[in-house]
Protein backbone atom coordinates (compact mmCIF):
# COMPACT_ATOMS: atom_id res chain seq x y z
CA MET A 1 -18.19 -4.58 -28.75
CA ARG A 2 -15.82 -3.12 -29.99
CA ASN A 3 -16.29 0.02 -27.61
CA ILE A 4 -15.30 -2.72 -24.75
CA LEU A 5 -13.12 -4.78 -25.98
CA MET A 6 -10.91 -1.05 -26.49
CA THR A 7 -12.16 -0.12 -22.44
CA VAL A 8 -10.46 -3.88 -21.87
CA MET A 9 -7.55 -3.80 -23.52
CA MET A 10 -7.07 -0.21 -22.74
CA LEU A 11 -7.27 -1.35 -18.33
CA ILE A 12 -5.37 -4.37 -19.43
CA VAL A 13 -2.43 -1.72 -20.58
CA VAL A 14 -2.91 0.86 -17.67
CA ALA A 15 -2.61 -2.38 -15.07
CA LEU A 16 0.39 -3.00 -16.97
CA LEU A 17 2.14 0.04 -16.63
CA PHE A 18 1.45 0.44 -12.75
CA SER A 19 2.83 -2.99 -12.24
CA THR A 20 5.71 -2.11 -14.21
CA ILE A 21 6.67 1.33 -13.45
CA ILE A 22 4.70 1.64 -9.86
CA ASN A 23 5.05 -2.01 -8.02
CA ASP A 24 8.27 -3.47 -9.36
CA ALA A 25 10.39 -4.81 -6.64
CA ASP A 26 13.80 -3.62 -7.64
CA VAL A 27 13.34 -0.85 -9.00
CA GLY A 28 10.17 0.45 -8.93
CA LEU A 29 8.19 4.00 -7.86
CA ARG A 30 7.48 2.52 -4.37
CA GLN A 31 11.25 0.51 -4.31
CA LYS A 32 12.40 4.58 -3.92
CA ILE A 33 9.81 6.28 -1.29
CA LYS A 34 10.34 3.63 0.43
CA ALA A 35 14.25 4.24 0.35
CA LYS A 36 14.87 7.52 0.88
CA GLY A 37 11.51 7.49 4.06
CA ASP A 38 13.79 5.21 5.07
CA THR A 39 16.93 7.64 4.89
CA ALA A 40 14.81 10.61 6.65
CA ASN A 41 13.57 8.68 9.17
CA THR A 42 16.96 7.58 10.37
CA ASN A 43 18.14 11.48 9.80
CA VAL A 44 15.16 12.33 11.96
CA LEU A 45 16.11 9.35 14.84
CA ASN A 46 20.14 10.63 14.41
CA LEU A 47 19.15 13.96 15.69
CA ASN A 48 17.56 13.67 18.47
CA ALA A 49 20.00 10.86 19.75
CA GLY A 50 22.00 14.49 19.75
CA PRO A 51 25.88 14.60 21.50
């Protein structure tokens, strides 16, 4: 019973860490990756436009 409780508590901690570090809408890692991808996409499109 104690092993199950510890496992459930660890899963809760992992879920909370994921939601605060990775999935945060304002400053999360997902938002930073999206911003960098948008910047890279814009740079590539500007290269294709040419002079």
